[in-house]
Amino acid sequence: MKAHQRIIRELKAKQGDGTLYKFIVDDRIDFLSLKNAKVKEIDYNTAKKVIEQYEWLRTLPSHLTELYGLYIDYWLAGVVCYGFSLPRSVLCSICGEEFLYQTRVLARGAMTHLAPPNASSFLINESLKLLRKKGVKIIVAYGDPDAGEMGVVYQATNWLYTGTTKGSTLYFIGDKWRAGVSARIFSHKKRDLTKLPKRKSSPKHRYICFLGTHKDKKELMKKLRYPILPYPKKAEEVSRVDTPDFQSGGIGSIPIPRIMEHRL
């Protein structure tokens, strides 16, 4: 099964009709090289533009704390968003309550059709360096089988695989499927969720990454409350990480944005 984000990127690449756009797509590896890449903090609205068009859920959750963008020259090639967007009990279940405020969820991430190969792993690694400087020690991320995701990018960057979640109930509000908590927030009126269309989501693959010194990581490994398991494999094994397998429905005929950083 091809990941949702790859389908979206391929679709948008075919929709391009501008001369500059076609030049970039046709020669994107030469024109957009990671040699010219940098990762820096971005604002909510910048991340939202990419997530809404490329990511599986098409929404940004609440309680985000750090948002980073991958810029290649002046083009925004991808975003990754971290925060506390899980219940407190889930965050504390990793290594204990003492590490609650040093834990982050990789809540959303997506690459655009302009991203060159290996851009996703580059963005994740560089953003983790920035998080470490802020004192963050634990990152948890998920791969959603419903989006065709196995967590290949996390495997490629040596995260720990700790099995799957139990899955959750999703409710259809507006034009999107939403988890119970976000559904209540979105409705704004304490809507009776039992009257809404609902479905069960598939269990998600859970990956964990520890940051800090060797001593820090050793301590966290001792406190980890999940078993470390072998990486899951897809039916057709991928030989390398190309552009990302972030968790990210409908495709729709969305105009392709030229997402650029404004010059100061």
C-alpha atoms as a PDB file:
ATOM      1  CA  MET A   1       0.000   0.000   0.000  1.00  0.00           C
ATOM      2  CA  LYS A   2       1.416   3.374  -1.008  1.00  0.00           C
ATOM      3  CA  ALA A   3       1.490   5.989   1.779  1.00  0.00           C
ATOM      4  CA  HIS A   4      -1.074   8.792   1.579  1.00  0.00           C
ATOM      5  CA  GLN A   5       1.562  11.513   1.541  1.00  0.00           C
ATOM      6  CA  ARG A   6       3.376   9.991  -1.411  1.00  0.00           C
ATOM      7  CA  ILE A   7       0.091   9.861  -3.353  1.00  0.00           C
ATOM      8  CA  ILE A   8      -0.550  13.532  -2.570  1.00  0.00           C
ATOM      9  CA  ARG A   9       2.958  14.606  -3.598  1.00  0.00           C
ATOM     10  CA  GLU A  10       2.763  12.700  -6.881  1.00  0.00           C
ATOM     11  CA  LEU A  11      -0.653  14.188  -7.620  1.00  0.00           C
ATOM     12  CA  LYS A  12       0.533  17.733  -6.977  1.00  0.00           C
ATOM     13  CA  ALA A  13       3.629  17.212  -9.103  1.00  0.00           C
ATOM     14  CA  LYS A  14       1.330  16.299 -12.039  1.00  0.00           C
ATOM     15  CA  GLN A  15      -0.876  19.360 -11.456  1.00  0.00           C
ATOM     16  CA  GLY A  16       1.947  21.897 -11.876  1.00  0.00           C
ATOM     17  CA  ASP A  17       1.530  24.263 -14.798  1.00  0.00           C
ATOM     18  CA  GLY A  18       3.828  27.223 -14.088  1.00  0.00           C
ATOM     19  CA  THR A  19       7.160  27.541 -15.897  1.00  0.00           C
ATOM     20  CA  LEU A  20       9.149  28.015 -12.697  1.00  0.00           C
ATOM     21  CA  TYR A  21       7.235  25.189 -11.014  1.00  0.00           C
ATOM     22  CA  LYS A  22       7.899  22.779 -13.890  1.00  0.00           C
ATOM     23  CA  PHE A  23      11.566  23.687 -13.908  1.00  0.00           C
ATOM     24  CA  ILE A  24      11.831  22.896 -10.213  1.00  0.00           C
ATOM     25  CA  VAL A  25       9.948  19.600 -10.478  1.00  0.00           C
ATOM     26  CA  ASP A  26      11.860  18.424 -13.540  1.00  0.00           C
ATOM     27  CA  ASP A  27      15.220  19.261 -11.968  1.00  0.00           C
ATOM     28  CA  ARG A  28      14.315  19.234  -8.297  1.00  0.00           C
ATOM     29  CA  ILE A  29      17.292  17.183  -7.104  1.00  0.00           C
ATOM     30  CA  ASP A  30      19.749  19.584  -8.756  1.00  0.00           C
ATOM     31  CA  PHE A  31      17.810  22.727  -7.900  1.00  0.00           C
ATOM     32  CA  LEU A  32      16.636  21.770  -4.410  1.00  0.00           C
ATOM     33  CA  SER A  33      19.604  20.160  -2.721  1.00  0.00           C
ATOM     34  CA  LEU A  34      19.947  19.397   0.967  1.00  0.00           C
ATOM     35  CA  LYS A  35      23.338  21.098   0.740  1.00  0.00           C
ATOM     36  CA  ASN A  36      21.406  24.362   0.816  1.00  0.00           C
ATOM     37  CA  ALA A  37      18.918  23.206   3.466  1.00  0.00           C
ATOM     38  CA  LYS A  38      18.292  24.643   6.889  1.00  0.00           C
ATOM     39  CA  VAL A  39      15.771  23.846   9.608  1.00  0.00           C
ATOM     40  CA  LYS A  40      14.300  26.612  11.734  1.00  0.00           C
ATOM     41  CA  GLU A  41      11.259  27.406  13.833  1.00  0.00           C
ATOM     42  CA  ILE A  42       8.119  28.472  12.001  1.00  0.00           C
ATOM     43  CA  ASP A  43       4.769  29.853  13.072  1.00  0.00           C
ATOM     44  CA  TYR A  44       1.445  28.048  13.289  1.00  0.00           C
ATOM     45  CA  ASN A  45      -0.003  29.400  10.044  1.00  0.00           C
ATOM     46  CA  THR A  46       3.057  28.428   8.008  1.00  0.00           C
ATOM     47  CA  ALA A  47       2.860  24.850   9.287  1.00  0.00           C
ATOM     48  CA  LYS A  48      -0.898  24.766   8.762  1.00  0.00           C
ATOM     49  CA  LYS A  49      -0.609  25.505   5.010  1.00  0.00           C
ATOM     50  CA  VAL A  50       1.537  22.411   4.474  1.00  0.00           C
ATOM     51  CA  ILE A  51      -0.293  20.084   6.871  1.00  0.00           C
ATOM     52  CA  GLU A  52      -3.741  20.856   5.439  1.00  0.00           C
ATOM     53  CA  GLN A  53      -2.642  19.940   1.928  1.00  0.00           C
ATOM     54  CA  TYR A  54      -0.204  17.069   2.381  1.00  0.00           C
ATOM     55  CA  GLU A  55      -0.898  15.317   5.679  1.00  0.00           C
ATOM     56  CA  TRP A  56      -3.332  12.445   6.267  1.00  0.00           C
ATOM     57  CA  LEU A  57      -5.433  14.110   8.980  1.00  0.00           C
ATOM     58  CA  ARG A  58      -5.243  17.605   7.422  1.00  0.00           C
ATOM     59  CA  THR A  59      -5.449  19.299  10.830  1.00  0.00           C
ATOM     60  CA  LEU A  60      -3.105  20.689  13.443  1.00  0.00           C
ATOM     61  CA  PRO A  61      -3.826  19.495  16.997  1.00  0.00           C
ATOM     62  CA  SER A  62      -3.883  21.679  20.082  1.00  0.00           C
ATOM     63  CA  HIS A  63      -1.016  22.082  22.546  1.00  0.00           C
ATOM     64  CA  LEU A  64       1.789  22.338  19.994  1.00  0.00           C
ATOM     65  CA  THR A  65       4.995  23.768  21.425  1.00  0.00           C
ATOM     66  CA  GLU A  66       7.650  23.590  18.694  1.00  0.00           C
ATOM     67  CA  LEU A  67       7.099  23.806  14.938  1.00  0.00           C
ATOM     68  CA  TYR A  68       9.969  23.516  12.467  1.00  0.00           C
ATOM     69  CA  GLY A  69      10.276  24.016   8.740  1.00  0.00           C
ATOM     70  CA  LEU A  70      12.789  22.666   6.251  1.00  0.00           C
ATOM     71  CA  TYR A  71      13.852  25.480   3.943  1.00  0.00           C
ATOM     72  CA  ILE A  72      15.880  24.793   0.819  1.00  0.00           C
ATOM     73  CA  ASP A  73      17.003  28.170  -0.440  1.00  0.00           C
ATOM     74  CA  TYR A  74      13.714  30.073  -0.019  1.00  0.00           C
ATOM     75  CA  TRP A  75      11.376  27.136  -0.609  1.00  0.00           C
ATOM     76  CA  LEU A  76       9.560  25.412   2.241  1.00  0.00           C
ATOM     77  CA  ALA A  77      10.019  21.691   1.569  1.00  0.00           C
ATOM     78  CA  GLY A  78       8.486  20.248   4.740  1.00  0.00           C
ATOM     79  CA  VAL A  79       7.316  20.815   8.302  1.00  0.00           C
ATOM     80  CA  VAL A  80       7.325  18.877  11.560  1.00  0.00           C
ATOM     81  CA  CYS A  81       5.291  19.769  14.650  1.00  0.00           C
ATOM     82  CA  TYR A  82       5.917  18.746  18.266  1.00  0.00           C
ATOM     83  CA  GLY A  83       3.883  19.271  21.404  1.00  0.00           C
ATOM     84  CA  PHE A  84       1.815  17.798  24.246  1.00  0.00           C
ATOM     85  CA  SER A  85      -1.022  16.655  21.987  1.00  0.00           C
ATOM     86  CA  LEU A  86      -1.739  13.441  23.889  1.00  0.00           C
ATOM     87  CA  PRO A  87      -3.409  12.837  27.261  1.00  0.00           C
ATOM     88  CA  ARG A  88      -1.142  13.301  30.267  1.00  0.00           C
ATOM     89  CA  SER A  89      -1.498   9.623  31.161  1.00  0.00           C
ATOM     90  CA  VAL A  90      -0.108   8.577  27.763  1.00  0.00           C
ATOM     91  CA  LEU A  91       2.905  10.895  28.044  1.00  0.00           C
ATOM     92  CA  CYS A  92       3.637   9.645  31.561  1.00  0.00           C
ATOM     93  CA  SER A  93       3.323   6.019  30.472  1.00  0.00           C
ATOM     94  CA  ILE A  94       6.618   6.170  28.556  1.00  0.00           C
ATOM     95  CA  CYS A  95       9.185   6.743  31.330  1.00  0.00           C
ATOM     96  CA  GLY A  96       7.146   8.074  34.210  1.00  0.00           C
ATOM     97  CA  GLU A  97       5.615  11.356  35.357  1.00  0.00           C
ATOM     98  CA  GLU A  98       9.005  12.813  36.324  1.00  0.00           C
ATOM     99  CA  PHE A  99       9.775  13.237  32.589  1.00  0.00           C
ATOM    100  CA  LEU A 100       6.370  14.656  31.610  1.00  0.00           C
ATOM    101  CA  TYR A 101       7.598  18.143  30.701  1.00  0.00           C
ATOM    102  CA  GLN A 102      10.656  16.781  28.933  1.00  0.00           C
ATOM    103  CA  THR A 103       8.471  14.675  26.629  1.00  0.00           C
ATOM    104  CA  ARG A 104       7.086  15.706  23.248  1.00  0.00           C
ATOM    105  CA  VAL A 105       4.822  14.096  20.681  1.00  0.00           C
ATOM    106  CA  LEU A 106       5.781  14.321  17.032  1.00  0.00           C
ATOM    107  CA  ALA A 107       2.189  15.254  16.315  1.00  0.00           C
ATOM    108  CA  ARG A 108       2.290  16.150  12.625  1.00  0.00           C
ATOM    109  CA  GLY A 109       4.796  16.099   9.806  1.00  0.00           C
ATOM    110  CA  ALA A 110       4.633  16.402   6.050  1.00  0.00           C
ATOM    111  CA  MET A 111       6.884  17.041   3.077  1.00  0.00           C
ATOM    112  CA  THR A 112       5.851  18.912  -0.059  1.00  0.00           C
ATOM    113  CA  HIS A 113       6.268  17.686  -3.624  1.00  0.00           C
ATOM    114  CA  LEU A 114       9.446  19.812  -3.820  1.00  0.00           C
ATOM    115  CA  ALA A 115      11.305  17.805  -1.185  1.00  0.00           C
ATOM    116  CA  PRO A 116      14.409  15.945  -2.451  1.00  0.00           C
ATOM    117  CA  PRO A 117      15.274  12.380  -1.371  1.00  0.00           C
ATOM    118  CA  ASN A 118      16.110  11.923   2.332  1.00  0.00           C
ATOM    119  CA  ALA A 119      14.559  15.287   3.208  1.00  0.00           C
ATOM    120  CA  SER A 120      12.333  13.749   5.890  1.00  0.00           C
ATOM    121  CA  SER A 121      15.157  12.143   7.865  1.00  0.00           C
ATOM    122  CA  PHE A 122      17.177  15.361   7.535  1.00  0.00           C
ATOM    123  CA  LEU A 123      14.284  17.436   8.914  1.00  0.00           C
ATOM    124  CA  ILE A 124      13.687  15.070  11.817  1.00  0.00           C
ATOM    125  CA  ASN A 125      17.354  14.838  12.803  1.00  0.00           C
ATOM    126  CA  GLU A 126      17.911  18.587  12.664  1.00  0.00           C
ATOM    127  CA  SER A 127      14.725  19.333  14.604  1.00  0.00           C
ATOM    128  CA  LEU A 128      15.743  16.842  17.301  1.00  0.00           C
ATOM    129  CA  LYS A 129      19.020  18.743  17.746  1.00  0.00           C
ATOM    130  CA  LEU A 130      17.018  21.919  18.341  1.00  0.00           C
ATOM    131  CA  LEU A 131      14.716  20.157  20.803  1.00  0.00           C
ATOM    132  CA  ARG A 132      17.676  18.783  22.726  1.00  0.00           C
ATOM    133  CA  LYS A 133      18.955  22.337  23.234  1.00  0.00           C
ATOM    134  CA  LYS A 134      15.612  23.100  24.893  1.00  0.00           C
ATOM    135  CA  GLY A 135      16.015  20.233  27.350  1.00  0.00           C
ATOM    136  CA  VAL A 136      13.613  17.815  25.677  1.00  0.00           C
ATOM    137  CA  LYS A 137      14.590  14.189  26.310  1.00  0.00           C
ATOM    138  CA  ILE A 138      11.766  11.972  25.015  1.00  0.00           C
ATOM    139  CA  ILE A 139       9.973  12.007  21.658  1.00  0.00           C
ATOM    140  CA  VAL A 140       7.124   9.680  20.752  1.00  0.00           C
ATOM    141  CA  ALA A 141       5.781   9.339  17.199  1.00  0.00           C
ATOM    142  CA  TYR A 142       3.225   7.168  15.448  1.00  0.00           C
ATOM    143  CA  GLY A 143       2.815   5.536  12.057  1.00  0.00           C
ATOM    144  CA  ASP A 144      -0.800   5.162  10.919  1.00  0.00           C
ATOM    145  CA  PRO A 145      -1.576   2.029   8.844  1.00  0.00           C
ATOM    146  CA  ASP A 146      -4.795   3.702   7.660  1.00  0.00           C
ATOM    147  CA  ALA A 147      -2.522   6.190   5.849  1.00  0.00           C
ATOM    148  CA  GLY A 148      -0.284   3.441   4.501  1.00  0.00           C
ATOM    149  CA  GLU A 149       2.433   4.203   7.065  1.00  0.00           C
ATOM    150  CA  MET A 150       4.798   1.784   8.732  1.00  0.00           C
ATOM    151  CA  GLY A 151       7.173   4.355  10.212  1.00  0.00           C
ATOM    152  CA  VAL A 152       9.965   3.833   7.677  1.00  0.00           C
ATOM    153  CA  VAL A 153      11.495   7.239   8.392  1.00  0.00           C
ATOM    154  CA  TYR A 154      11.708   6.445  12.122  1.00  0.00           C
ATOM    155  CA  GLN A 155      13.344   3.120  11.378  1.00  0.00           C
ATOM    156  CA  ALA A 156      15.853   4.858   9.125  1.00  0.00           C
ATOM    157  CA  THR A 157      16.758   7.279  11.928  1.00  0.00           C
ATOM    158  CA  ASN A 158      17.122   4.512  14.564  1.00  0.00           C
ATOM    159  CA  TRP A 159      14.109   5.158  16.789  1.00  0.00           C
ATOM    160  CA  LEU A 160      12.932   2.466  19.192  1.00  0.00           C
ATOM    161  CA  TYR A 161       9.871   0.485  18.119  1.00  0.00           C
ATOM    162  CA  THR A 162       7.551  -0.311  21.031  1.00  0.00           C
ATOM    163  CA  GLY A 163       4.569  -1.993  19.385  1.00  0.00           C
ATOM    164  CA  THR A 164       1.126  -0.652  18.559  1.00  0.00           C
ATOM    165  CA  THR A 165      -1.601   1.314  20.282  1.00  0.00           C
ATOM    166  CA  LYS A 166      -5.097  -0.040  20.872  1.00  0.00           C
ATOM    167  CA  GLY A 167      -6.683   2.174  18.250  1.00  0.00           C
ATOM    168  CA  SER A 168      -9.371   4.754  18.943  1.00  0.00           C
ATOM    169  CA  THR A 169     -12.869   5.806  17.920  1.00  0.00           C
ATOM    170  CA  LEU A 170     -13.107   8.501  15.239  1.00  0.00           C
ATOM    171  CA  TYR A 171     -16.113  10.778  14.685  1.00  0.00           C
ATOM    172  CA  PHE A 172     -17.037  12.479  11.411  1.00  0.00           C
ATOM    173  CA  ILE A 173     -17.504  16.238  11.927  1.00  0.00           C
ATOM    174  CA  GLY A 174     -17.548  18.705   9.074  1.00  0.00           C
ATOM    175  CA  ASP A 175     -15.529  17.020   6.362  1.00  0.00           C
ATOM    176  CA  LYS A 176     -13.002  15.190   8.545  1.00  0.00           C
ATOM    177  CA  TRP A 177     -12.688  12.204  10.851  1.00  0.00           C
ATOM    178  CA  ARG A 178     -11.650  13.339  14.341  1.00  0.00           C
ATOM    179  CA  ALA A 179     -10.673  11.583  17.549  1.00  0.00           C
ATOM    180  CA  GLY A 180     -13.042  11.939  20.506  1.00  0.00           C
ATOM    181  CA  VAL A 181     -11.207  14.750  22.305  1.00  0.00           C
ATOM    182  CA  SER A 182     -10.578  16.852  19.196  1.00  0.00           C
ATOM    183  CA  ALA A 183     -14.149  16.187  18.046  1.00  0.00           C
ATOM    184  CA  ARG A 184     -15.518  17.753  21.233  1.00  0.00           C
ATOM    185  CA  ILE A 185     -13.184  20.732  20.895  1.00  0.00           C
ATOM    186  CA  PHE A 186     -14.140  21.223  17.246  1.00  0.00           C
ATOM    187  CA  SER A 187     -17.892  21.059  17.856  1.00  0.00           C
ATOM    188  CA  HIS A 188     -17.702  23.866  20.473  1.00  0.00           C
ATOM    189  CA  LYS A 189     -21.152  22.874  21.778  1.00  0.00           C
ATOM    190  CA  LYS A 190     -20.674  19.672  23.767  1.00  0.00           C
ATOM    191  CA  ARG A 191     -22.312  17.830  20.898  1.00  0.00           C
ATOM    192  CA  ASP A 192     -23.551  14.322  21.637  1.00  0.00           C
ATOM    193  CA  LEU A 193     -20.911  12.224  19.884  1.00  0.00           C
ATOM    194  CA  THR A 194     -23.130   9.130  19.987  1.00  0.00           C
ATOM    195  CA  LYS A 195     -25.273  10.691  17.229  1.00  0.00           C
ATOM    196  CA  LEU A 196     -22.353  11.236  14.853  1.00  0.00           C
ATOM    197  CA  PRO A 197     -20.991   8.794  12.245  1.00  0.00           C
ATOM    198  CA  LYS A 198     -18.083   6.919  13.766  1.00  0.00           C
ATOM    199  CA  ARG A 199     -15.523   4.245  12.990  1.00  0.00           C
ATOM    200  CA  LYS A 200     -12.662   2.485  14.695  1.00  0.00           C
ATOM    201  CA  SER A 201      -9.146   3.486  13.678  1.00  0.00           C
ATOM    202  CA  SER A 202      -6.412   0.910  13.187  1.00  0.00           C
ATOM    203  CA  PRO A 203      -3.799   0.466  15.943  1.00  0.00           C
ATOM    204  CA  LYS A 204      -0.863   2.783  15.253  1.00  0.00           C
ATOM    205  CA  HIS A 205       2.825   1.888  15.282  1.00  0.00           C
ATOM    206  CA  ARG A 206       4.591   3.607  18.193  1.00  0.00           C
ATOM    207  CA  TYR A 207       8.201   4.805  18.014  1.00  0.00           C
ATOM    208  CA  ILE A 208      10.274   6.461  20.737  1.00  0.00           C
ATOM    209  CA  CYS A 209      13.485   8.475  20.565  1.00  0.00           C
ATOM    210  CA  PHE A 210      15.673   9.522  23.495  1.00  0.00           C
ATOM    211  CA  LEU A 211      17.737  12.726  23.447  1.00  0.00           C
ATOM    212  CA  GLY A 212      20.603  13.882  25.630  1.00  0.00           C
ATOM    213  CA  THR A 213      23.942  12.551  26.759  1.00  0.00           C
ATOM    214  CA  HIS A 214      24.889   8.890  26.812  1.00  0.00           C
ATOM    215  CA  LYS A 215      24.157   8.927  30.546  1.00  0.00           C
ATOM    216  CA  ASP A 216      20.717  10.469  29.970  1.00  0.00           C
ATOM    217  CA  LYS A 217      19.809   7.856  27.378  1.00  0.00           C
ATOM    218  CA  LYS A 218      21.005   5.018  29.591  1.00  0.00           C
ATOM    219  CA  GLU A 219      18.802   6.276  32.432  1.00  0.00           C
ATOM    220  CA  LEU A 220      15.798   6.613  30.152  1.00  0.00           C
ATOM    221  CA  MET A 221      16.288   3.111  28.759  1.00  0.00           C
ATOM    222  CA  LYS A 222      16.103   1.751  32.296  1.00  0.00           C
ATOM    223  CA  LYS A 223      12.869   3.639  32.950  1.00  0.00           C
ATOM    224  CA  LEU A 224      11.195   2.825  29.638  1.00  0.00           C
ATOM    225  CA  ARG A 225       7.893   1.059  30.378  1.00  0.00           C
ATOM    226  CA  TYR A 226       7.341  -0.410  26.911  1.00  0.00           C
ATOM    227  CA  PRO A 227       9.153  -3.425  25.459  1.00  0.00           C
ATOM    228  CA  ILE A 228      11.533  -2.768  22.573  1.00  0.00           C
ATOM    229  CA  LEU A 229      10.437  -4.862  19.598  1.00  0.00           C
ATOM    230  CA  PRO A 230      11.766  -5.626  16.087  1.00  0.00           C
ATOM    231  CA  TYR A 231      10.755  -3.157  13.402  1.00  0.00           C
ATOM    232  CA  PRO A 232       7.591  -4.067  11.467  1.00  0.00           C
ATOM    233  CA  LYS A 233       8.039  -4.654   7.752  1.00  0.00           C
ATOM    234  CA  LYS A 234       5.852  -3.882   4.780  1.00  0.00           C
ATOM    235  CA  ALA A 235       4.846  -6.585   2.357  1.00  0.00           C
ATOM    236  CA  GLU A 236       6.983  -4.950  -0.293  1.00  0.00           C
ATOM    237  CA  GLU A 237      10.119  -3.859   1.579  1.00  0.00           C
ATOM    238  CA  VAL A 238      11.510  -0.444   0.686  1.00  0.00           C
ATOM    239  CA  SER A 239      15.232  -0.321   0.054  1.00  0.00           C
ATOM    240  CA  ARG A 240      15.776   3.305   1.041  1.00  0.00           C
ATOM    241  CA  VAL A 241      13.994   6.302   2.480  1.00  0.00           C
ATOM    242  CA  ASP A 242      13.031   8.632  -0.313  1.00  0.00           C
ATOM    243  CA  THR A 243      10.734  11.490   0.543  1.00  0.00           C
ATOM    244  CA  PRO A 244       9.037  10.875   3.872  1.00  0.00           C
ATOM    245  CA  ASP A 245       6.607   8.427   5.363  1.00  0.00           C
ATOM    246  CA  PHE A 246       5.300  10.908   7.921  1.00  0.00           C
ATOM    247  CA  GLN A 247       1.838  10.355   9.297  1.00  0.00           C
ATOM    248  CA  SER A 248      -0.326  12.576   7.622  1.00  0.00           C
ATOM    249  CA  GLY A 249      -8.234  12.610   3.795  1.00  0.00           C
ATOM    250  CA  GLY A 250      -9.338  13.204   0.614  1.00  0.00           C
ATOM    251  CA  ILE A 251      -7.005  14.311  -2.116  1.00  0.00           C
ATOM    252  CA  GLY A 252      -9.164  16.800  -3.956  1.00  0.00           C
ATOM    253  CA  SER A 253      -8.102  19.258  -6.650  1.00  0.00           C
ATOM    254  CA  ILE A 254      -6.262  21.700  -4.412  1.00  0.00           C
ATOM    255  CA  PRO A 255      -4.272  24.398  -6.215  1.00  0.00           C
ATOM    256  CA  ILE A 256      -0.522  23.987  -5.740  1.00  0.00           C
ATOM    257  CA  PRO A 257       0.887  26.730  -3.526  1.00  0.00           C
ATOM    258  CA  ARG A 258       4.282  28.241  -4.082  1.00  0.00           C
ATOM    259  CA  ILE A 259       5.274  28.194  -0.449  1.00  0.00           C
ATOM    260  CA  MET A 260       8.242  30.501  -0.013  1.00  0.00           C
ATOM    261  CA  GLU A 261       9.879  32.251   2.881  1.00  0.00           C
ATOM    262  CA  HIS A 262       9.469  35.988   2.734  1.00  0.00           C
ATOM    263  CA  ARG A 263      12.748  37.847   2.393  1.00  0.00           C
ATOM    264  CA  LEU A 264      13.461  40.100   5.349  1.00  0.00           C
END
